[in-house]
Amino acid sequence: MRVRSYIYDGETAPAHVDAVLERLSDRKESVDRLDVSAAADRDDAVREAMLRVRESVRIGTSPDGIYDEDGNPDFSAGVLIAQEPTGRRSLFVGEVALKALADDAETETGDGTAGRADADKR
């Protein structure tokens, strides 16, 4: 799988987010990272993050894991957006992103596209 983007909130991120970022830095492909807490305008960063999520799910709904108890977008858990060689995109929220990267590394051919991730999606 090719990792297209990783969205997170660095101010409130749990420990697994650092582990995901470390795994992403080990990949040969470049990965677009968006830390909504580091943006000059947090509201703009959240809007950009939601656009990326919606573009990836197109039909259907965004995963519940990216919303807080009040229904507002919350990227603390982290959202990994990946693309399969067929073009299909998948979202991995929270610790599932770390598992997806680990699964992909086990089957990776070195080009960032030929691995597979059998982790639960959404």
PDB file of N, CA and C in Angstrom:
ATOM      1  N   MET A   1       0.840  -1.174   0.000  1.00  0.00           N
ATOM      2  CA  MET A   1       0.000   0.000   0.000  1.00  0.00           C
ATOM      3  C   MET A   1       0.885   1.238   0.000  1.00  0.00           C
ATOM      4  N   ARG A   2       0.372   2.278  -0.578  1.00  0.00           N
ATOM      5  CA  ARG A   2       1.066   3.565  -0.587  1.00  0.00           C
ATOM      6  C   ARG A   2       0.386   4.456   0.443  1.00  0.00           C
ATOM      7  N   VAL A   3       1.165   5.008   1.333  1.00  0.00           N
ATOM      8  CA  VAL A   3       0.610   5.915   2.330  1.00  0.00           C
ATOM      9  C   VAL A   3       0.551   7.302   1.718  1.00  0.00           C
ATOM     10  N   ARG A   4      -0.636   7.849   1.677  1.00  0.00           N
ATOM     11  CA  ARG A   4      -0.832   9.174   1.087  1.00  0.00           C
ATOM     12  C   ARG A   4      -0.710  10.279   2.125  1.00  0.00           C
ATOM     13  N   SER A   5      -1.246  10.043   3.320  1.00  0.00           N
ATOM     14  CA  SER A   5      -1.279  11.115   4.300  1.00  0.00           C
ATOM     15  C   SER A   5      -1.441  10.548   5.710  1.00  0.00           C
ATOM     16  N   TYR A   6      -0.909  11.277   6.672  1.00  0.00           N
ATOM     17  CA  TYR A   6      -1.151  10.957   8.076  1.00  0.00           C
ATOM     18  C   TYR A   6      -1.547  12.252   8.757  1.00  0.00           C
ATOM     19  N   ILE A   7      -2.718  12.238   9.367  1.00  0.00           N
ATOM     20  CA  ILE A   7      -3.273  13.422  10.028  1.00  0.00           C
ATOM     21  C   ILE A   7      -3.345  13.139  11.521  1.00  0.00           C
ATOM     22  N   TYR A   8      -2.873  14.077  12.328  1.00  0.00           N
ATOM     23  CA  TYR A   8      -2.873  13.876  13.773  1.00  0.00           C
ATOM     24  C   TYR A   8      -2.868  15.208  14.491  1.00  0.00           C
ATOM     25  N   ASP A   9      -3.068  15.157  15.788  1.00  0.00           N
ATOM     26  CA  ASP A   9      -3.013  16.344  16.637  1.00  0.00           C
ATOM     27  C   ASP A   9      -1.866  16.131  17.610  1.00  0.00           C
ATOM     28  N   GLY A  10      -0.752  16.780  17.353  1.00  0.00           N
ATOM     29  CA  GLY A  10       0.448  16.585  18.149  1.00  0.00           C
ATOM     30  C   GLY A  10       0.319  16.999  19.606  1.00  0.00           C
ATOM     31  N   GLU A  11      -0.615  17.892  19.914  1.00  0.00           N
ATOM     32  CA  GLU A  11      -0.778  18.347  21.298  1.00  0.00           C
ATOM     33  C   GLU A  11      -1.445  17.311  22.189  1.00  0.00           C
ATOM     34  N   THR A  12      -2.319  16.513  21.621  1.00  0.00           N
ATOM     35  CA  THR A  12      -3.093  15.561  22.430  1.00  0.00           C
ATOM     36  C   THR A  12      -2.901  14.120  21.978  1.00  0.00           C
ATOM     37  N   ALA A  13      -1.855  13.861  21.221  1.00  0.00           N
ATOM     38  CA  ALA A  13      -1.647  12.538  20.639  1.00  0.00           C
ATOM     39  C   ALA A  13      -1.238  11.489  21.676  1.00  0.00           C
ATOM     40  N   PRO A  14      -1.855  10.306  21.612  1.00  0.00           N
ATOM     41  CA  PRO A  14      -1.417   9.204  22.467  1.00  0.00           C
ATOM     42  C   PRO A  14      -0.094   8.629  21.948  1.00  0.00           C
ATOM     43  N   ALA A  15       0.499   7.724  22.696  1.00  0.00           N
ATOM     44  CA  ALA A  15       1.828   7.189  22.384  1.00  0.00           C
ATOM     45  C   ALA A  15       1.917   6.537  21.012  1.00  0.00           C
ATOM     46  N   HIS A  16       0.861   5.892  20.555  1.00  0.00           N
ATOM     47  CA  HIS A  16       0.961   5.188  19.275  1.00  0.00           C
ATOM     48  C   HIS A  16       1.190   6.141  18.101  1.00  0.00           C
ATOM     49  N   VAL A  17       0.817   7.408  18.234  1.00  0.00           N
ATOM     50  CA  VAL A  17       1.029   8.367  17.143  1.00  0.00           C
ATOM     51  C   VAL A  17       2.525   8.535  16.886  1.00  0.00           C
ATOM     52  N   ASP A  18       3.330   8.617  17.935  1.00  0.00           N
ATOM     53  CA  ASP A  18       4.783   8.704  17.755  1.00  0.00           C
ATOM     54  C   ASP A  18       5.327   7.462  17.066  1.00  0.00           C
ATOM     55  N   ALA A  19       4.787   6.305  17.421  1.00  0.00           N
ATOM     56  CA  ALA A  19       5.216   5.053  16.784  1.00  0.00           C
ATOM     57  C   ALA A  19       4.852   5.043  15.298  1.00  0.00           C
ATOM     58  N   VAL A  20       3.670   5.555  14.962  1.00  0.00           N
ATOM     59  CA  VAL A  20       3.265   5.646  13.551  1.00  0.00           C
ATOM     60  C   VAL A  20       4.193   6.600  12.808  1.00  0.00           C
ATOM     61  N   LEU A  21       4.474   7.758  13.395  1.00  0.00           N
ATOM     62  CA  LEU A  21       5.361   8.732  12.752  1.00  0.00           C
ATOM     63  C   LEU A  21       6.753   8.144  12.529  1.00  0.00           C
ATOM     64  N   GLU A  22       7.217   7.361  13.487  1.00  0.00           N
ATOM     65  CA  GLU A  22       8.526   6.715  13.338  1.00  0.00           C
ATOM     66  C   GLU A  22       8.508   5.724  12.181  1.00  0.00           C
ATOM     67  N   ARG A  23       7.456   4.920  12.108  1.00  0.00           N
ATOM     68  CA  ARG A  23       7.344   3.958  10.989  1.00  0.00           C
ATOM     69  C   ARG A  23       7.252   4.680   9.649  1.00  0.00           C
ATOM     70  N   LEU A  24       6.537   5.792   9.624  1.00  0.00           N
ATOM     71  CA  LEU A  24       6.419   6.545   8.382  1.00  0.00           C
ATOM     72  C   LEU A  24       7.764   7.108   7.936  1.00  0.00           C
ATOM     73  N   SER A  25       8.589   7.515   8.879  1.00  0.00           N
ATOM     74  CA  SER A  25       9.901   8.058   8.519  1.00  0.00           C
ATOM     75  C   SER A  25      10.822   6.976   7.963  1.00  0.00           C
ATOM     76  N   ASP A  26      10.528   5.715   8.251  1.00  0.00           N
ATOM     77  CA  ASP A  26      11.323   4.600   7.732  1.00  0.00           C
ATOM     78  C   ASP A  26      10.925   4.197   6.314  1.00  0.00           C
ATOM     79  N   ARG A  27       9.800   4.685   5.830  1.00  0.00           N
ATOM     80  CA  ARG A  27       9.316   4.298   4.498  1.00  0.00           C
ATOM     81  C   ARG A  27      10.089   5.028   3.407  1.00  0.00           C
ATOM     82  N   LYS A  28      10.219   4.390   2.254  1.00  0.00           N
ATOM     83  CA  LYS A  28      10.937   4.981   1.128  1.00  0.00           C
ATOM     84  C   LYS A  28      10.140   6.083   0.450  1.00  0.00           C
ATOM     85  N   GLU A  29       8.821   5.990   0.510  1.00  0.00           N
ATOM     86  CA  GLU A  29       7.963   6.994  -0.116  1.00  0.00           C
ATOM     87  C   GLU A  29       7.845   8.226   0.783  1.00  0.00           C
ATOM     88  N   SER A  30       7.579   9.362   0.176  1.00  0.00           N
ATOM     89  CA  SER A  30       7.329  10.541   0.994  1.00  0.00           C
ATOM     90  C   SER A  30       5.863  10.510   1.420  1.00  0.00           C
ATOM     91  N   VAL A  31       5.617  10.920   2.642  1.00  0.00           N
ATOM     92  CA  VAL A  31       4.272  10.885   3.208  1.00  0.00           C
ATOM     93  C   VAL A  31       3.909  12.293   3.652  1.00  0.00           C
ATOM     94  N   ASP A  32       2.756  12.740   3.227  1.00  0.00           N
ATOM     95  CA  ASP A  32       2.258  14.048   3.626  1.00  0.00           C
ATOM     96  C   ASP A  32       1.733  13.929   5.058  1.00  0.00           C
ATOM     97  N   ARG A  33       2.279  14.727   5.960  1.00  0.00           N
ATOM     98  CA  ARG A  33       1.857  14.712   7.364  1.00  0.00           C
ATOM     99  C   ARG A  33       1.191  16.034   7.688  1.00  0.00           C
ATOM    100  N   LEU A  34       0.101  15.937   8.417  1.00  0.00           N
ATOM    101  CA  LEU A  34      -0.602  17.147   8.828  1.00  0.00           C
ATOM    102  C   LEU A  34      -0.860  17.082  10.324  1.00  0.00           C
ATOM    103  N   ASP A  35      -0.136  17.920  11.064  1.00  0.00           N
ATOM    104  CA  ASP A  35      -0.349  18.065  12.502  1.00  0.00           C
ATOM    105  C   ASP A  35      -1.251  19.277  12.679  1.00  0.00           C
ATOM    106  N   VAL A  36      -2.518  19.029  12.968  1.00  0.00           N
ATOM    107  CA  VAL A  36      -3.474  20.141  13.049  1.00  0.00           C
ATOM    108  C   VAL A  36      -3.114  21.119  14.159  1.00  0.00           C
ATOM    109  N   SER A  37      -2.406  20.671  15.177  1.00  0.00           N
ATOM    110  CA  SER A  37      -2.043  21.566  16.277  1.00  0.00           C
ATOM    111  C   SER A  37      -0.880  22.484  15.916  1.00  0.00           C
ATOM    112  N   ALA A  38      -0.105  22.133  14.901  1.00  0.00           N
ATOM    113  CA  ALA A  38       1.062  22.927  14.528  1.00  0.00           C
ATOM    114  C   ALA A  38       0.752  23.963  13.450  1.00  0.00           C
ATOM    115  N   ALA A  39      -0.450  23.952  12.937  1.00  0.00           N
ATOM    116  CA  ALA A  39      -0.820  24.883  11.867  1.00  0.00           C
ATOM    117  C   ALA A  39      -0.988  26.302  12.405  1.00  0.00           C
ATOM    118  N   ALA A  40      -0.746  27.272  11.546  1.00  0.00           N
ATOM    119  CA  ALA A  40      -0.929  28.672  11.933  1.00  0.00           C
ATOM    120  C   ALA A  40      -2.386  28.949  12.294  1.00  0.00           C
ATOM    121  N   ASP A  41      -3.291  28.317  11.580  1.00  0.00           N
ATOM    122  CA  ASP A  41      -4.722  28.460  11.847  1.00  0.00           C
ATOM    123  C   ASP A  41      -5.314  27.070  12.015  1.00  0.00           C
ATOM    124  N   ARG A  42      -5.606  26.718  13.244  1.00  0.00           N
ATOM    125  CA  ARG A  42      -6.103  25.371  13.547  1.00  0.00           C
ATOM    126  C   ARG A  42      -7.399  25.053  12.795  1.00  0.00           C
ATOM    127  N   ASP A  43      -8.306  26.007  12.699  1.00  0.00           N
ATOM    128  CA  ASP A  43      -9.573  25.771  11.996  1.00  0.00           C
ATOM    129  C   ASP A  43      -9.331  25.421  10.527  1.00  0.00           C
ATOM    130  N   ASP A  44      -8.401  26.133   9.891  1.00  0.00           N
ATOM    131  CA  ASP A  44      -8.072  25.828   8.504  1.00  0.00           C
ATOM    132  C   ASP A  44      -7.460  24.433   8.383  1.00  0.00           C
ATOM    133  N   ALA A  45      -6.615  24.074   9.331  1.00  0.00           N
ATOM    134  CA  ALA A  45      -5.986  22.749   9.306  1.00  0.00           C
ATOM    135  C   ALA A  45      -7.027  21.638   9.486  1.00  0.00           C
ATOM    136  N   VAL A  46      -7.989  21.855  10.364  1.00  0.00           N
ATOM    137  CA  VAL A  46      -9.049  20.859  10.571  1.00  0.00           C
ATOM    138  C   VAL A  46      -9.896  20.738   9.313  1.00  0.00           C
ATOM    139  N   ARG A  47     -10.193  21.868   8.672  1.00  0.00           N
ATOM    140  CA  ARG A  47     -10.951  21.822   7.410  1.00  0.00           C
ATOM    141  C   ARG A  47     -10.189  21.037   6.343  1.00  0.00           C
ATOM    142  N   GLU A  48      -8.899  21.314   6.224  1.00  0.00           N
ATOM    143  CA  GLU A  48      -8.059  20.588   5.262  1.00  0.00           C
ATOM    144  C   GLU A  48      -8.049  19.098   5.582  1.00  0.00           C
ATOM    145  N   ALA A  49      -7.921  18.762   6.848  1.00  0.00           N
ATOM    146  CA  ALA A  49      -7.920  17.353   7.258  1.00  0.00           C
ATOM    147  C   ALA A  49      -9.242  16.676   6.902  1.00  0.00           C
ATOM    148  N   MET A  50     -10.344  17.347   7.157  1.00  0.00           N
ATOM    149  CA  MET A  50     -11.652  16.768   6.841  1.00  0.00           C
ATOM    150  C   MET A  50     -11.839  16.613   5.328  1.00  0.00           C
ATOM    151  N   LEU A  51     -11.307  17.531   4.545  1.00  0.00           N
ATOM    152  CA  LEU A  51     -11.366  17.384   3.086  1.00  0.00           C
ATOM    153  C   LEU A  51     -10.613  16.141   2.638  1.00  0.00           C
ATOM    154  N   ARG A  52      -9.448  15.902   3.239  1.00  0.00           N
ATOM    155  CA  ARG A  52      -8.675  14.703   2.896  1.00  0.00           C
ATOM    156  C   ARG A  52      -9.438  13.435   3.273  1.00  0.00           C
ATOM    157  N   VAL A  53     -10.056  13.459   4.435  1.00  0.00           N
ATOM    158  CA  VAL A  53     -10.828  12.292   4.874  1.00  0.00           C
ATOM    159  C   VAL A  53     -12.005  12.062   3.932  1.00  0.00           C
ATOM    160  N   ARG A  54     -12.749  13.098   3.642  1.00  0.00           N
ATOM    161  CA  ARG A  54     -13.931  12.959   2.773  1.00  0.00           C
ATOM    162  C   ARG A  54     -13.550  12.520   1.366  1.00  0.00           C
ATOM    163  N   GLU A  55     -12.412  13.026   0.872  1.00  0.00           N
ATOM    164  CA  GLU A  55     -11.946  12.612  -0.448  1.00  0.00           C
ATOM    165  C   GLU A  55     -11.631  11.117  -0.462  1.00  0.00           C
ATOM    166  N   SER A  56     -11.188  10.607   0.663  1.00  0.00           N
ATOM    167  CA  SER A  56     -10.813   9.198   0.743  1.00  0.00           C
ATOM    168  C   SER A  56     -12.003   8.272   0.917  1.00  0.00           C
ATOM    169  N   VAL A  57     -13.046   8.735   1.589  1.00  0.00           N
ATOM    170  CA  VAL A  57     -14.204   7.863   1.783  1.00  0.00           C
ATOM    171  C   VAL A  57     -15.240   8.057   0.680  1.00  0.00           C
ATOM    172  N   ARG A  58     -15.239   9.186   0.025  1.00  0.00           N
ATOM    173  CA  ARG A  58     -16.168   9.556  -1.048  1.00  0.00           C
ATOM    174  C   ARG A  58     -17.596   9.123  -0.768  1.00  0.00           C
ATOM    175  N   ILE A  59     -17.886   7.849  -0.895  1.00  0.00           N
ATOM    176  CA  ILE A  59     -19.232   7.348  -0.617  1.00  0.00           C
ATOM    177  C   ILE A  59     -19.195   6.734   0.770  1.00  0.00           C
ATOM    178  N   GLY A  60     -20.103   7.110   1.594  1.00  0.00           N
ATOM    179  CA  GLY A  60     -20.119   6.576   2.948  1.00  0.00           C
ATOM    180  C   GLY A  60     -19.862   7.677   3.952  1.00  0.00           C
ATOM    181  N   THR A  61     -19.591   7.262   5.158  1.00  0.00           N
ATOM    182  CA  THR A  61     -19.392   8.229   6.229  1.00  0.00           C
ATOM    183  C   THR A  61     -17.983   8.138   6.772  1.00  0.00           C
ATOM    184  N   SER A  62     -17.570   9.205   7.384  1.00  0.00           N
ATOM    185  CA  SER A  62     -16.259   9.224   8.029  1.00  0.00           C
ATOM    186  C   SER A  62     -16.299   8.341   9.270  1.00  0.00           C
ATOM    187  N   PRO A  63     -15.180   7.750   9.630  1.00  0.00           N
ATOM    188  CA  PRO A  63     -15.149   6.885  10.809  1.00  0.00           C
ATOM    189  C   PRO A  63     -15.475   7.644  12.092  1.00  0.00           C
ATOM    190  N   ASP A  64     -16.189   6.991  12.993  1.00  0.00           N
ATOM    191  CA  ASP A  64     -16.545   7.609  14.269  1.00  0.00           C
ATOM    192  C   ASP A  64     -15.317   8.020  15.076  1.00  0.00           C
ATOM    193  N   GLY A  65     -14.211   7.327  14.899  1.00  0.00           N
ATOM    194  CA  GLY A  65     -13.010   7.575  15.679  1.00  0.00           C
ATOM    195  C   GLY A  65     -12.380   8.936  15.481  1.00  0.00           C
ATOM    196  N   ILE A  66     -12.822   9.680  14.486  1.00  0.00           N
ATOM    197  CA  ILE A  66     -12.233  11.008  14.276  1.00  0.00           C
ATOM    198  C   ILE A  66     -13.099  12.125  14.839  1.00  0.00           C
ATOM    199  N   TYR A  67     -14.118  11.768  15.597  1.00  0.00           N
ATOM    200  CA  TYR A  67     -14.981  12.770  16.212  1.00  0.00           C
ATOM    201  C   TYR A  67     -14.947  12.643  17.730  1.00  0.00           C
ATOM    202  N   ASP A  68     -15.018  13.786  18.413  1.00  0.00           N
ATOM    203  CA  ASP A  68     -15.083  13.749  19.870  1.00  0.00           C
ATOM    204  C   ASP A  68     -16.526  13.506  20.308  1.00  0.00           C
ATOM    205  N   GLU A  69     -16.766  13.505  21.605  1.00  0.00           N
ATOM    206  CA  GLU A  69     -18.106  13.209  22.125  1.00  0.00           C
ATOM    207  C   GLU A  69     -19.143  14.258  21.731  1.00  0.00           C
ATOM    208  N   ASP A  70     -18.689  15.454  21.335  1.00  0.00           N
ATOM    209  CA  ASP A  70     -19.610  16.509  20.902  1.00  0.00           C
ATOM    210  C   ASP A  70     -19.843  16.504  19.388  1.00  0.00           C
ATOM    211  N   GLY A  71     -19.208  15.578  18.690  1.00  0.00           N
ATOM    212  CA  GLY A  71     -19.374  15.487  17.243  1.00  0.00           C
ATOM    213  C   GLY A  71     -18.440  16.366  16.432  1.00  0.00           C
ATOM    214  N   ASN A  72     -17.432  16.940  17.090  1.00  0.00           N
ATOM    215  CA  ASN A  72     -16.455  17.781  16.401  1.00  0.00           C
ATOM    216  C   ASN A  72     -15.260  16.939  15.954  1.00  0.00           C
ATOM    217  N   PRO A  73     -14.639  17.285  14.819  1.00  0.00           N
ATOM    218  CA  PRO A  73     -13.464  16.541  14.375  1.00  0.00           C
ATOM    219  C   PRO A  73     -12.356  16.590  15.425  1.00  0.00           C
ATOM    220  N   ASP A  74     -11.769  15.433  15.691  1.00  0.00           N
ATOM    221  CA  ASP A  74     -10.695  15.308  16.680  1.00  0.00           C
ATOM    222  C   ASP A  74      -9.685  14.309  16.124  1.00  0.00           C
ATOM    223  N   PHE A  75      -8.527  14.798  15.771  1.00  0.00           N
ATOM    224  CA  PHE A  75      -7.519  13.954  15.138  1.00  0.00           C
ATOM    225  C   PHE A  75      -6.462  13.464  16.119  1.00  0.00           C
ATOM    226  N   SER A  76      -6.782  13.465  17.408  1.00  0.00           N
ATOM    227  CA  SER A  76      -5.841  12.998  18.428  1.00  0.00           C
ATOM    228  C   SER A  76      -5.377  11.575  18.169  1.00  0.00           C
ATOM    229  N   ALA A  77      -6.277  10.715  17.764  1.00  0.00           N
ATOM    230  CA  ALA A  77      -5.946   9.302  17.552  1.00  0.00           C
ATOM    231  C   ALA A  77      -5.083   9.090  16.318  1.00  0.00           C
ATOM    232  N   GLY A  78      -5.113  10.022  15.389  1.00  0.00           N
ATOM    233  CA  GLY A  78      -4.358   9.887  14.145  1.00  0.00           C
ATOM    234  C   GLY A  78      -5.167   9.161  13.086  1.00  0.00           C
ATOM    235  N   VAL A  79      -5.036   9.630  11.847  1.00  0.00           N
ATOM    236  CA  VAL A  79      -5.725   9.016  10.712  1.00  0.00           C
ATOM    237  C   VAL A  79      -4.708   8.800   9.596  1.00  0.00           C
ATOM    238  N   LEU A  80      -4.546   7.551   9.213  1.00  0.00           N
ATOM    239  CA  LEU A  80      -3.655   7.183   8.122  1.00  0.00           C
ATOM    240  C   LEU A  80      -4.501   6.961   6.875  1.00  0.00           C
ATOM    241  N   ILE A  81      -4.158   7.647   5.795  1.00  0.00           N
ATOM    242  CA  ILE A  81      -4.852   7.473   4.533  1.00  0.00           C
ATOM    243  C   ILE A  81      -3.902   6.740   3.598  1.00  0.00           C
ATOM    244  N   ALA A  82      -4.330   5.563   3.155  1.00  0.00           N
ATOM    245  CA  ALA A  82      -3.494   4.727   2.305  1.00  0.00           C
ATOM    246  C   ALA A  82      -4.213   4.444   0.990  1.00  0.00           C
ATOM    247  N   GLN A  83      -3.421   4.105  -0.016  1.00  0.00           N
ATOM    248  CA  GLN A  83      -3.984   3.794  -1.325  1.00  0.00           C
ATOM    249  C   GLN A  83      -3.390   2.482  -1.821  1.00  0.00           C
ATOM    250  N   GLU A  84      -4.251   1.597  -2.247  1.00  0.00           N
ATOM    251  CA  GLU A  84      -3.833   0.316  -2.814  1.00  0.00           C
ATOM    252  C   GLU A  84      -3.429   0.526  -4.278  1.00  0.00           C
ATOM    253  N   PRO A  85      -2.710  -0.407  -4.871  1.00  0.00           N
ATOM    254  CA  PRO A  85      -2.328  -0.279  -6.287  1.00  0.00           C
ATOM    255  C   PRO A  85      -3.531  -0.113  -7.221  1.00  0.00           C
ATOM    256  N   THR A  86      -4.684  -0.590  -6.813  1.00  0.00           N
ATOM    257  CA  THR A  86      -5.902  -0.454  -7.619  1.00  0.00           C
ATOM    258  C   THR A  86      -6.479   0.953  -7.565  1.00  0.00           C
ATOM    259  N   GLY A  87      -5.979   1.793  -6.650  1.00  0.00           N
ATOM    260  CA  GLY A  87      -6.482   3.153  -6.485  1.00  0.00           C
ATOM    261  C   GLY A  87      -7.434   3.301  -5.315  1.00  0.00           C
ATOM    262  N   ARG A  88      -7.883   2.190  -4.763  1.00  0.00           N
ATOM    263  CA  ARG A  88      -8.814   2.250  -3.629  1.00  0.00           C
ATOM    264  C   ARG A  88      -8.098   2.810  -2.408  1.00  0.00           C
ATOM    265  N   ARG A  89      -8.751   3.744  -1.748  1.00  0.00           N
ATOM    266  CA  ARG A  89      -8.168   4.341  -0.545  1.00  0.00           C
ATOM    267  C   ARG A  89      -8.824   3.761   0.695  1.00  0.00           C
ATOM    268  N   SER A  90      -8.029   3.676   1.738  1.00  0.00           N
ATOM    269  CA  SER A  90      -8.507   3.164   3.021  1.00  0.00           C
ATOM    270  C   SER A  90      -8.068   4.103   4.121  1.00  0.00           C
ATOM    271  N   LEU A  91      -8.879   4.177   5.154  1.00  0.00           N
ATOM    272  CA  LEU A  91      -8.545   4.963   6.341  1.00  0.00           C
ATOM    273  C   LEU A  91      -8.271   4.009   7.491  1.00  0.00           C
ATOM    274  N   PHE A  92      -7.240   4.320   8.247  1.00  0.00           N
ATOM    275  CA  PHE A  92      -6.902   3.553   9.437  1.00  0.00           C
ATOM    276  C   PHE A  92      -6.824   4.551  10.584  1.00  0.00           C
ATOM    277  N   VAL A  93      -7.664   4.386  11.578  1.00  0.00           N
ATOM    278  CA  VAL A  93      -7.770   5.355  12.675  1.00  0.00           C
ATOM    279  C   VAL A  93      -7.183   4.767  13.939  1.00  0.00           C
ATOM    280  N   GLY A  94      -6.394   5.578  14.645  1.00  0.00           N
ATOM    281  CA  GLY A  94      -5.836   5.162  15.927  1.00  0.00           C
ATOM    282  C   GLY A  94      -4.753   4.103  15.779  1.00  0.00           C
ATOM    283  N   GLU A  95      -4.737   3.172  16.724  1.00  0.00           N
ATOM    284  CA  GLU A  95      -3.710   2.130  16.742  1.00  0.00           C
ATOM    285  C   GLU A  95      -3.806   1.198  15.545  1.00  0.00           C
ATOM    286  N   VAL A  96      -4.941   1.172  14.888  1.00  0.00           N
ATOM    287  CA  VAL A  96      -5.104   0.341  13.687  1.00  0.00           C
ATOM    288  C   VAL A  96      -4.122   0.794  12.605  1.00  0.00           C
ATOM    289  N   ALA A  97      -3.786   2.088  12.577  1.00  0.00           N
ATOM    290  CA  ALA A  97      -2.814   2.601  11.611  1.00  0.00           C
ATOM    291  C   ALA A  97      -1.449   1.958  11.833  1.00  0.00           C
ATOM    292  N   LEU A  98      -1.061   1.815  13.072  1.00  0.00           N
ATOM    293  CA  LEU A  98       0.221   1.183  13.386  1.00  0.00           C
ATOM    294  C   LEU A  98       0.225  -0.274  12.938  1.00  0.00           C
ATOM    295  N   LYS A  99      -0.876  -0.971  13.175  1.00  0.00           N
ATOM    296  CA  LYS A  99      -0.986  -2.364  12.752  1.00  0.00           C
ATOM    297  C   LYS A  99      -0.949  -2.472  11.228  1.00  0.00           C
ATOM    298  N   ALA A 100      -1.612  -1.560  10.544  1.00  0.00           N
ATOM    299  CA  ALA A 100      -1.616  -1.576   9.079  1.00  0.00           C
ATOM    300  C   ALA A 100      -0.208  -1.385   8.531  1.00  0.00           C
ATOM    301  N   LEU A 101       0.552  -0.476   9.125  1.00  0.00           N
ATOM    302  CA  LEU A 101       1.927  -0.255   8.681  1.00  0.00           C
ATOM    303  C   LEU A 101       2.797  -1.476   8.965  1.00  0.00           C
ATOM    304  N   ALA A 102       2.581  -2.102  10.106  1.00  0.00           N
ATOM    305  CA  ALA A 102       3.347  -3.315  10.441  1.00  0.00           C
ATOM    306  C   ALA A 102       3.003  -4.439   9.471  1.00  0.00           C
ATOM    307  N   ASP A 103       1.725  -4.630   9.189  1.00  0.00           N
ATOM    308  CA  ASP A 103       1.304  -5.662   8.237  1.00  0.00           C
ATOM    309  C   ASP A 103       1.881  -5.387   6.854  1.00  0.00           C
ATOM    310  N   ASP A 104       1.864  -4.134   6.454  1.00  0.00           N
ATOM    311  CA  ASP A 104       2.386  -3.768   5.142  1.00  0.00           C
ATOM    312  C   ASP A 104       3.889  -4.002   5.068  1.00  0.00           C
ATOM    313  N   ALA A 105       4.609  -3.711   6.138  1.00  0.00           N
ATOM    314  CA  ALA A 105       6.060  -3.899   6.152  1.00  0.00           C
ATOM    315  C   ALA A 105       6.426  -5.374   5.987  1.00  0.00           C
ATOM    316  N   GLU A 106       5.578  -6.263   6.490  1.00  0.00           N
ATOM    317  CA  GLU A 106       5.847  -7.700   6.371  1.00  0.00           C
ATOM    318  C   GLU A 106       5.764  -8.186   4.937  1.00  0.00           C
ATOM    319  N   THR A 107       4.985  -7.517   4.106  1.00  0.00           N
ATOM    320  CA  THR A 107       4.793  -7.958   2.731  1.00  0.00           C
ATOM    321  C   THR A 107       5.344  -6.966   1.716  1.00  0.00           C
ATOM    322  N   GLU A 108       6.021  -5.949   2.184  1.00  0.00           N
ATOM    323  CA  GLU A 108       6.509  -4.865   1.331  1.00  0.00           C
ATOM    324  C   GLU A 108       7.574  -5.358   0.364  1.00  0.00           C
ATOM    325  N   THR A 109       7.505  -4.868  -0.874  1.00  0.00           N
ATOM    326  CA  THR A 109       8.518  -5.193  -1.874  1.00  0.00           C
ATOM    327  C   THR A 109       9.551  -4.088  -2.013  1.00  0.00           C
ATOM    328  N   GLY A 110       9.354  -3.003  -1.306  1.00  0.00           N
ATOM    329  CA  GLY A 110      10.338  -1.933  -1.321  1.00  0.00           C
ATOM    330  C   GLY A 110       9.936  -0.702  -2.094  1.00  0.00           C
ATOM    331  N   ASP A 111       8.804  -0.750  -2.808  1.00  0.00           N
ATOM    332  CA  ASP A 111       8.426   0.430  -3.587  1.00  0.00           C
ATOM    333  C   ASP A 111       7.267   1.207  -2.984  1.00  0.00           C
ATOM    334  N   GLY A 112       6.783   0.780  -1.834  1.00  0.00           N
ATOM    335  CA  GLY A 112       5.717   1.512  -1.179  1.00  0.00           C
ATOM    336  C   GLY A 112       4.341   1.239  -1.740  1.00  0.00           C
ATOM    337  N   THR A 113       4.240   0.320  -2.699  1.00  0.00           N
ATOM    338  CA  THR A 113       2.934   0.072  -3.299  1.00  0.00           C
ATOM    339  C   THR A 113       2.521  -1.388  -3.291  1.00  0.00           C
ATOM    340  N   ALA A 114       3.415  -2.309  -3.124  1.00  0.00           N
ATOM    341  CA  ALA A 114       3.062  -3.706  -3.329  1.00  0.00           C
ATOM    342  C   ALA A 114       2.685  -4.450  -2.063  1.00  0.00           C
ATOM    343  N   GLY A 115       2.748  -3.766  -0.929  1.00  0.00           N
ATOM    344  CA  GLY A 115       2.364  -4.443   0.304  1.00  0.00           C
ATOM    345  C   GLY A 115       0.862  -4.541   0.418  1.00  0.00           C
ATOM    346  N   ARG A 116       0.427  -5.205   1.460  1.00  0.00           N
ATOM    347  CA  ARG A 116      -1.004  -5.297   1.715  1.00  0.00           C
ATOM    348  C   ARG A 116      -1.239  -5.006   3.183  1.00  0.00           C
ATOM    349  N   ALA A 117      -2.400  -4.563   3.500  1.00  0.00           N
ATOM    350  CA  ALA A 117      -2.749  -4.311   4.892  1.00  0.00           C
ATOM    351  C   ALA A 117      -4.087  -4.951   5.144  1.00  0.00           C
ATOM    352  N   ASP A 118      -4.085  -5.966   5.989  1.00  0.00           N
ATOM    353  CA  ASP A 118      -5.318  -6.679   6.284  1.00  0.00           C
ATOM    354  C   ASP A 118      -5.942  -6.204   7.567  1.00  0.00           C
ATOM    355  N   ALA A 119      -5.490  -5.077   8.067  1.00  0.00           N
ATOM    356  CA  ALA A 119      -6.052  -4.547   9.315  1.00  0.00           C
ATOM    357  C   ALA A 119      -7.487  -4.102   9.090  1.00  0.00           C
ATOM    358  N   ASP A 120      -8.223  -4.026  10.175  1.00  0.00           N
ATOM    359  CA  ASP A 120      -9.598  -3.544  10.080  1.00  0.00           C
ATOM    360  C   ASP A 120      -9.575  -2.124   9.543  1.00  0.00           C
ATOM    361  N   LYS A 121     -10.396  -1.890   8.570  1.00  0.00           N
ATOM    362  CA  LYS A 121     -10.498  -0.562   7.974  1.00  0.00           C
ATOM    363  C   LYS A 121     -11.721   0.117   8.535  1.00  0.00           C
ATOM    364  N   ARG A 122     -11.561   1.384   8.871  1.00  0.00           N
ATOM    365  CA  ARG A 122     -12.629   2.221   9.415  1.00  0.00           C
ATOM    366  C   ARG A 122     -13.115   1.689  10.701  1.00  0.00           C
TER     367      ARG A 122
END
